[in-house]
C-alpha cells in the first residue's frame, strides 16, 4: 500500500481537487520507492510526500505531506 502514485491519486481526488488545488510536476523518488516517496508541486508549493504504514498488517496507510513556499 506504499505505492506513491496510488496514494497520491487518492489524496488528490479526496482533498486537493475538491479544494481547487492542482497537482503537477509529479516525481517518484525511485531510491525511496519502498516508502512511497515523491515530490510534486501544489499551487506555489513544493511538497515532499511519504506514505507511512501505521499498523502491522498494513491494512491502512497514512499520507504524510510537507510543503514549503518556493522563494
PDB file of N, CA and C in Angstrom:
ATOM      1  N   UNK A   1       0.819  -1.202   0.000  1.00  0.00           N
ATOM      2  CA  UNK A   1       0.000   0.000   0.000  1.00  0.00           C
ATOM      3  C   UNK A   1       0.857   1.258   0.000  1.00  0.00           C
ATOM      4  N   UNK A   2       2.167   1.119  -0.144  1.00  0.00           N
ATOM      5  CA  UNK A   2       3.002   2.308  -0.153  1.00  0.00           C
ATOM      6  C   UNK A   2       3.358   2.736  -1.572  1.00  0.00           C
ATOM      7  N   UNK A   3       2.512   2.414  -2.524  1.00  0.00           N
ATOM      8  CA  UNK A   3       2.727   2.834  -3.894  1.00  0.00           C
ATOM      9  C   UNK A   3       2.445   4.331  -4.012  1.00  0.00           C
ATOM     10  N   UNK A   4       3.447   5.082  -4.355  1.00  0.00           N
ATOM     11  CA  UNK A   4       3.375   6.537  -4.408  1.00  0.00           C
ATOM     12  C   UNK A   4       2.232   7.038  -5.283  1.00  0.00           C
ATOM     13  N   UNK A   5       2.146   6.556  -6.510  1.00  0.00           N
ATOM     14  CA  UNK A   5       1.131   7.058  -7.436  1.00  0.00           C
ATOM     15  C   UNK A   5      -0.290   6.695  -7.007  1.00  0.00           C
ATOM     16  N   UNK A   6      -0.484   5.523  -6.457  1.00  0.00           N
ATOM     17  CA  UNK A   6      -1.805   5.105  -5.997  1.00  0.00           C
ATOM     18  C   UNK A   6      -2.301   5.996  -4.863  1.00  0.00           C
ATOM     19  N   UNK A   7      -1.441   6.211  -3.881  1.00  0.00           N
ATOM     20  CA  UNK A   7      -1.817   7.022  -2.724  1.00  0.00           C
ATOM     21  C   UNK A   7      -1.983   8.488  -3.114  1.00  0.00           C
ATOM     22  N   UNK A   8      -1.069   9.003  -3.936  1.00  0.00           N
ATOM     23  CA  UNK A   8      -1.188  10.398  -4.364  1.00  0.00           C
ATOM     24  C   UNK A   8      -2.483  10.616  -5.144  1.00  0.00           C
ATOM     25  N   UNK A   9      -2.839   9.692  -5.993  1.00  0.00           N
ATOM     26  CA  UNK A   9      -4.091   9.800  -6.741  1.00  0.00           C
ATOM     27  C   UNK A   9      -5.294   9.856  -5.791  1.00  0.00           C
ATOM     28  N   UNK A  10      -5.280   9.026  -4.776  1.00  0.00           N
ATOM     29  CA  UNK A  10      -6.367   9.017  -3.790  1.00  0.00           C
ATOM     30  C   UNK A  10      -6.448  10.354  -3.049  1.00  0.00           C
ATOM     31  N   UNK A  11      -5.312  10.842  -2.569  1.00  0.00           N
ATOM     32  CA  UNK A  11      -5.280  12.115  -1.847  1.00  0.00           C
ATOM     33  C   UNK A  11      -5.714  13.258  -2.765  1.00  0.00           C
ATOM     34  N   UNK A  12      -5.296  13.205  -4.015  1.00  0.00           N
ATOM     35  CA  UNK A  12      -5.679  14.231  -4.974  1.00  0.00           C
ATOM     36  C   UNK A  12      -7.202  14.277  -5.141  1.00  0.00           C
ATOM     37  N   UNK A  13      -7.818  13.120  -5.332  1.00  0.00           N
ATOM     38  CA  UNK A  13      -9.266  13.051  -5.536  1.00  0.00           C
ATOM     39  C   UNK A  13     -10.057  13.456  -4.286  1.00  0.00           C
ATOM     40  N   UNK A  14      -9.555  13.081  -3.109  1.00  0.00           N
ATOM     41  CA  UNK A  14     -10.285  13.322  -1.871  1.00  0.00           C
ATOM     42  C   UNK A  14     -10.046  14.702  -1.268  1.00  0.00           C
ATOM     43  N   UNK A  15      -8.863  15.269  -1.469  1.00  0.00           N
ATOM     44  CA  UNK A  15      -8.511  16.512  -0.777  1.00  0.00           C
ATOM     45  C   UNK A  15      -8.205  17.660  -1.732  1.00  0.00           C
ATOM     46  N   UNK A  16      -7.267  17.445  -2.639  1.00  0.00           N
ATOM     47  CA  UNK A  16      -6.791  18.560  -3.462  1.00  0.00           C
ATOM     48  C   UNK A  16      -7.820  19.024  -4.495  1.00  0.00           C
ATOM     49  N   UNK A  17      -8.352  18.118  -5.298  1.00  0.00           N
ATOM     50  CA  UNK A  17      -9.318  18.512  -6.329  1.00  0.00           C
ATOM     51  C   UNK A  17     -10.556  19.204  -5.751  1.00  0.00           C
ATOM     52  N   UNK A  18     -11.172  18.682  -4.681  1.00  0.00           N
ATOM     53  CA  UNK A  18     -12.342  19.366  -4.128  1.00  0.00           C
ATOM     54  C   UNK A  18     -12.040  20.784  -3.633  1.00  0.00           C
ATOM     55  N   UNK A  19     -10.777  21.068  -3.358  1.00  0.00           N
ATOM     56  CA  UNK A  19     -10.377  22.383  -2.881  1.00  0.00           C
ATOM     57  C   UNK A  19      -9.709  23.219  -3.972  1.00  0.00           C
ATOM     58  N   UNK A  20      -9.923  22.810  -5.224  1.00  0.00           N
ATOM     59  CA  UNK A  20      -9.381  23.528  -6.389  1.00  0.00           C
ATOM     60  C   UNK A  20      -7.868  23.707  -6.344  1.00  0.00           C
ATOM     61  N   UNK A  21      -7.167  22.701  -5.853  1.00  0.00           N
ATOM     62  CA  UNK A  21      -5.704  22.703  -5.849  1.00  0.00           C
ATOM     63  C   UNK A  21      -5.221  21.786  -6.966  1.00  0.00           C
ATOM     64  N   UNK A  22      -4.205  22.222  -7.672  1.00  0.00           N
ATOM     65  CA  UNK A  22      -3.704  21.476  -8.819  1.00  0.00           C
ATOM     66  C   UNK A  22      -2.356  20.848  -8.506  1.00  0.00           C
ATOM     67  N   UNK A  23      -2.263  19.547  -8.741  1.00  0.00           N
ATOM     68  CA  UNK A  23      -1.015  18.807  -8.573  1.00  0.00           C
ATOM     69  C   UNK A  23      -0.316  18.742  -9.929  1.00  0.00           C
ATOM     70  N   UNK A  24       0.968  19.104  -9.957  1.00  0.00           N
ATOM     71  CA  UNK A  24       1.747  18.944 -11.183  1.00  0.00           C
ATOM     72  C   UNK A  24       3.207  18.682 -10.837  1.00  0.00           C
ATOM     73  N   UNK A  25       4.011  18.451 -11.847  1.00  0.00           N
ATOM     74  CA  UNK A  25       5.445  18.144 -11.689  1.00  0.00           C
ATOM     75  C   UNK A  25       5.668  16.988 -10.719  1.00  0.00           C
ATOM     76  N   UNK A  26       4.914  15.926 -10.890  1.00  0.00           N
ATOM     77  CA  UNK A  26       4.990  14.759 -10.005  1.00  0.00           C
ATOM     78  C   UNK A  26       6.224  13.935 -10.341  1.00  0.00           C
ATOM     79  N   UNK A  27       7.000  13.592  -9.301  1.00  0.00           N
ATOM     80  CA  UNK A  27       8.189  12.753  -9.478  1.00  0.00           C
ATOM     81  C   UNK A  27       8.304  11.772  -8.319  1.00  0.00           C
ATOM     82  N   UNK A  28       8.277  10.505  -8.645  1.00  0.00           N
ATOM     83  CA  UNK A  28       8.518   9.487  -7.621  1.00  0.00           C
ATOM     84  C   UNK A  28      10.012   9.454  -7.335  1.00  0.00           C
ATOM     85  N   UNK A  29      10.374   9.288  -6.082  1.00  0.00           N
ATOM     86  CA  UNK A  29      11.775   9.138  -5.700  1.00  0.00           C
ATOM     87  C   UNK A  29      12.108   7.657  -5.742  1.00  0.00           C
ATOM     88  N   UNK A  30      12.694   7.218  -6.830  1.00  0.00           N
ATOM     89  CA  UNK A  30      12.973   5.783  -7.029  1.00  0.00           C
ATOM     90  C   UNK A  30      13.821   5.205  -5.904  1.00  0.00           C
ATOM     91  N   UNK A  31      14.791   5.989  -5.418  1.00  0.00           N
ATOM     92  CA  UNK A  31      15.666   5.478  -4.357  1.00  0.00           C
ATOM     93  C   UNK A  31      14.905   5.264  -3.051  1.00  0.00           C
ATOM     94  N   UNK A  32      13.725   5.894  -2.921  1.00  0.00           N
ATOM     95  CA  UNK A  32      12.900   5.742  -1.724  1.00  0.00           C
ATOM     96  C   UNK A  32      11.537   5.137  -2.037  1.00  0.00           C
ATOM     97  N   UNK A  33      11.441   4.388  -3.118  1.00  0.00           N
ATOM     98  CA  UNK A  33      10.149   3.837  -3.539  1.00  0.00           C
ATOM     99  C   UNK A  33       9.558   2.898  -2.493  1.00  0.00           C
ATOM    100  N   UNK A  34      10.393   2.291  -1.698  1.00  0.00           N
ATOM    101  CA  UNK A  34       9.928   1.407  -0.631  1.00  0.00           C
ATOM    102  C   UNK A  34       9.011   2.149   0.347  1.00  0.00           C
ATOM    103  N   UNK A  35       9.215   3.449   0.472  1.00  0.00           N
ATOM    104  CA  UNK A  35       8.431   4.274   1.383  1.00  0.00           C
ATOM    105  C   UNK A  35       7.312   5.035   0.692  1.00  0.00           C
ATOM    106  N   UNK A  36       7.091   4.804  -0.580  1.00  0.00           N
ATOM    107  CA  UNK A  36       6.076   5.553  -1.307  1.00  0.00           C
ATOM    108  C   UNK A  36       6.415   7.029  -1.329  1.00  0.00           C
ATOM    109  N   UNK A  37       7.654   7.349  -1.672  1.00  0.00           N
ATOM    110  CA  UNK A  37       8.150   8.717  -1.580  1.00  0.00           C
ATOM    111  C   UNK A  37       8.160   9.413  -2.930  1.00  0.00           C
ATOM    112  N   UNK A  38       7.925  10.719  -2.890  1.00  0.00           N
ATOM    113  CA  UNK A  38       7.997  11.513  -4.103  1.00  0.00           C
ATOM    114  C   UNK A  38       7.821  12.984  -3.807  1.00  0.00           C
ATOM    115  N   UNK A  39       7.887  13.784  -4.860  1.00  0.00           N
ATOM    116  CA  UNK A  39       7.666  15.214  -4.744  1.00  0.00           C
ATOM    117  C   UNK A  39       6.694  15.657  -5.824  1.00  0.00           C
ATOM    118  N   UNK A  40       6.046  16.779  -5.595  1.00  0.00           N
ATOM    119  CA  UNK A  40       5.182  17.385  -6.598  1.00  0.00           C
ATOM    120  C   UNK A  40       4.968  18.841  -6.237  1.00  0.00           C
ATOM    121  N   UNK A  41       4.410  19.578  -7.177  1.00  0.00           N
ATOM    122  CA  UNK A  41       4.050  20.981  -6.962  1.00  0.00           C
ATOM    123  C   UNK A  41       2.553  21.038  -6.687  1.00  0.00           C
ATOM    124  N   UNK A  42       2.194  21.812  -5.709  1.00  0.00           N
ATOM    125  CA  UNK A  42       0.801  22.036  -5.355  1.00  0.00           C
ATOM    126  C   UNK A  42       0.628  23.543  -5.256  1.00  0.00           C
ATOM    127  N   UNK A  43       0.017  24.104  -6.296  1.00  0.00           N
ATOM    128  CA  UNK A  43      -0.062  25.563  -6.433  1.00  0.00           C
ATOM    129  C   UNK A  43       1.363  26.112  -6.413  1.00  0.00           C
ATOM    130  N   UNK A  44       1.711  26.990  -5.483  1.00  0.00           N
ATOM    131  CA  UNK A  44       3.055  27.574  -5.474  1.00  0.00           C
ATOM    132  C   UNK A  44       4.002  26.867  -4.513  1.00  0.00           C
ATOM    133  N   UNK A  45       3.622  25.709  -4.054  1.00  0.00           N
ATOM    134  CA  UNK A  45       4.443  24.998  -3.070  1.00  0.00           C
ATOM    135  C   UNK A  45       5.024  23.705  -3.629  1.00  0.00           C
ATOM    136  N   UNK A  46       6.217  23.390  -3.159  1.00  0.00           N
ATOM    137  CA  UNK A  46       6.820  22.094  -3.441  1.00  0.00           C
ATOM    138  C   UNK A  46       6.498  21.190  -2.257  1.00  0.00           C
ATOM    139  N   UNK A  47       5.999  19.999  -2.550  1.00  0.00           N
ATOM    140  CA  UNK A  47       5.586  19.078  -1.497  1.00  0.00           C
ATOM    141  C   UNK A  47       6.414  17.814  -1.571  1.00  0.00           C
ATOM    142  N   UNK A  48       6.953  17.386  -0.425  1.00  0.00           N
ATOM    143  CA  UNK A  48       7.599  16.081  -0.287  1.00  0.00           C
ATOM    144  C   UNK A  48       6.559  15.170   0.337  1.00  0.00           C
ATOM    145  N   UNK A  49       6.366  14.027  -0.262  1.00  0.00           N
ATOM    146  CA  UNK A  49       5.259  13.143   0.068  1.00  0.00           C
ATOM    147  C   UNK A  49       5.820  11.796   0.500  1.00  0.00           C
ATOM    148  N   UNK A  50       5.349  11.291   1.621  1.00  0.00           N
ATOM    149  CA  UNK A  50       5.744   9.973   2.115  1.00  0.00           C
ATOM    150  C   UNK A  50       4.499   9.222   2.554  1.00  0.00           C
ATOM    151  N   UNK A  51       4.523   7.921   2.405  1.00  0.00           N
ATOM    152  CA  UNK A  51       3.445   7.068   2.894  1.00  0.00           C
ATOM    153  C   UNK A  51       3.961   6.339   4.122  1.00  0.00           C
ATOM    154  N   UNK A  52       3.184   6.372   5.193  1.00  0.00           N
ATOM    155  CA  UNK A  52       3.589   5.707   6.436  1.00  0.00           C
ATOM    156  C   UNK A  52       2.540   4.666   6.802  1.00  0.00           C
ATOM    157  N   UNK A  53       2.966   3.435   6.974  1.00  0.00           N
ATOM    158  CA  UNK A  53       2.077   2.365   7.428  1.00  0.00           C
ATOM    159  C   UNK A  53       2.064   2.420   8.956  1.00  0.00           C
ATOM    160  N   UNK A  54       0.864   2.444   9.542  1.00  0.00           N
ATOM    161  CA  UNK A  54       0.827   2.598  10.991  1.00  0.00           C
ATOM    162  C   UNK A  54       0.297   1.396  11.741  1.00  0.00           C
ATOM    163  N   UNK A  55       0.102   0.267  11.077  1.00  0.00           N
ATOM    164  CA  UNK A  55      -0.231  -0.948  11.809  1.00  0.00           C
ATOM    165  C   UNK A  55       0.475  -2.139  11.166  1.00  0.00           C
ATOM    166  N   UNK A  56       0.619  -3.202  11.906  1.00  0.00           N
ATOM    167  CA  UNK A  56       1.453  -4.320  11.466  1.00  0.00           C
ATOM    168  C   UNK A  56       0.913  -5.074  10.258  1.00  0.00           C
ATOM    169  N   UNK A  57      -0.409  -5.107  10.062  1.00  0.00           N
ATOM    170  CA  UNK A  57      -0.935  -5.859   8.922  1.00  0.00           C
ATOM    171  C   UNK A  57      -1.035  -5.000   7.662  1.00  0.00           C
ATOM    172  N   UNK A  58      -0.635  -3.756   7.728  1.00  0.00           N
ATOM    173  CA  UNK A  58      -0.566  -2.835   6.594  1.00  0.00           C
ATOM    174  C   UNK A  58      -1.916  -2.626   5.907  1.00  0.00           C
ATOM    175  N   UNK A  59      -2.992  -2.762   6.657  1.00  0.00           N
ATOM    176  CA  UNK A  59      -4.309  -2.586   6.044  1.00  0.00           C
ATOM    177  C   UNK A  59      -4.712  -1.110   5.930  1.00  0.00           C
ATOM    178  N   UNK A  60      -3.989  -0.233   6.572  1.00  0.00           N
ATOM    179  CA  UNK A  60      -4.282   1.192   6.491  1.00  0.00           C
ATOM    180  C   UNK A  60      -2.993   1.972   6.247  1.00  0.00           C
ATOM    181  N   UNK A  61      -3.141   3.069   5.566  1.00  0.00           N
ATOM    182  CA  UNK A  61      -1.971   3.911   5.294  1.00  0.00           C
ATOM    183  C   UNK A  61      -2.296   5.355   5.609  1.00  0.00           C
ATOM    184  N   UNK A  62      -1.298   6.073   6.018  1.00  0.00           N
ATOM    185  CA  UNK A  62      -1.415   7.497   6.282  1.00  0.00           C
ATOM    186  C   UNK A  62      -0.470   8.214   5.336  1.00  0.00           C
ATOM    187  N   UNK A  63      -0.912   9.303   4.761  1.00  0.00           N
ATOM    188  CA  UNK A  63      -0.073  10.102   3.879  1.00  0.00           C
ATOM    189  C   UNK A  63       0.517  11.248   4.655  1.00  0.00           C
ATOM    190  N   UNK A  64       1.790  11.396   4.574  1.00  0.00           N
ATOM    191  CA  UNK A  64       2.475  12.489   5.249  1.00  0.00           C
ATOM    192  C   UNK A  64       2.908  13.491   4.191  1.00  0.00           C
ATOM    193  N   UNK A  65       2.516  14.745   4.344  1.00  0.00           N
ATOM    194  CA  UNK A  65       2.914  15.746   3.374  1.00  0.00           C
ATOM    195  C   UNK A  65       3.564  16.929   4.073  1.00  0.00           C
ATOM    196  N   UNK A  66       4.602  17.401   3.490  1.00  0.00           N
ATOM    197  CA  UNK A  66       5.304  18.568   3.986  1.00  0.00           C
ATOM    198  C   UNK A  66       5.513  19.511   2.831  1.00  0.00           C
ATOM    199  N   UNK A  67       5.243  20.750   3.031  1.00  0.00           N
ATOM    200  CA  UNK A  67       5.410  21.710   1.940  1.00  0.00           C
ATOM    201  C   UNK A  67       6.132  22.953   2.408  1.00  0.00           C
ATOM    202  N   UNK A  68       6.772  23.604   1.459  1.00  0.00           N
ATOM    203  CA  UNK A  68       7.381  24.893   1.789  1.00  0.00           C
ATOM    204  C   UNK A  68       7.167  25.832   0.614  1.00  0.00           C
ATOM    205  N   UNK A  69       7.069  27.083   0.924  1.00  0.00           N
ATOM    206  CA  UNK A  69       6.846  28.090  -0.115  1.00  0.00           C
ATOM    207  C   UNK A  69       8.124  28.288  -0.906  1.00  0.00           C
ATOM    208  N   UNK A  70       7.986  28.282  -2.213  1.00  0.00           N
ATOM    209  CA  UNK A  70       9.128  28.495  -3.085  1.00  0.00           C
ATOM    210  C   UNK A  70       9.476  29.968  -3.093  1.00  0.00           C
ATOM    211  N   UNK A  71      10.751  30.283  -2.925  1.00  0.00           N
ATOM    212  CA  UNK A  71      11.207  31.682  -2.902  1.00  0.00           C
ATOM    213  C   UNK A  71      11.546  32.186  -4.262  1.00  0.00           C
TER     214      UNK A  71
END
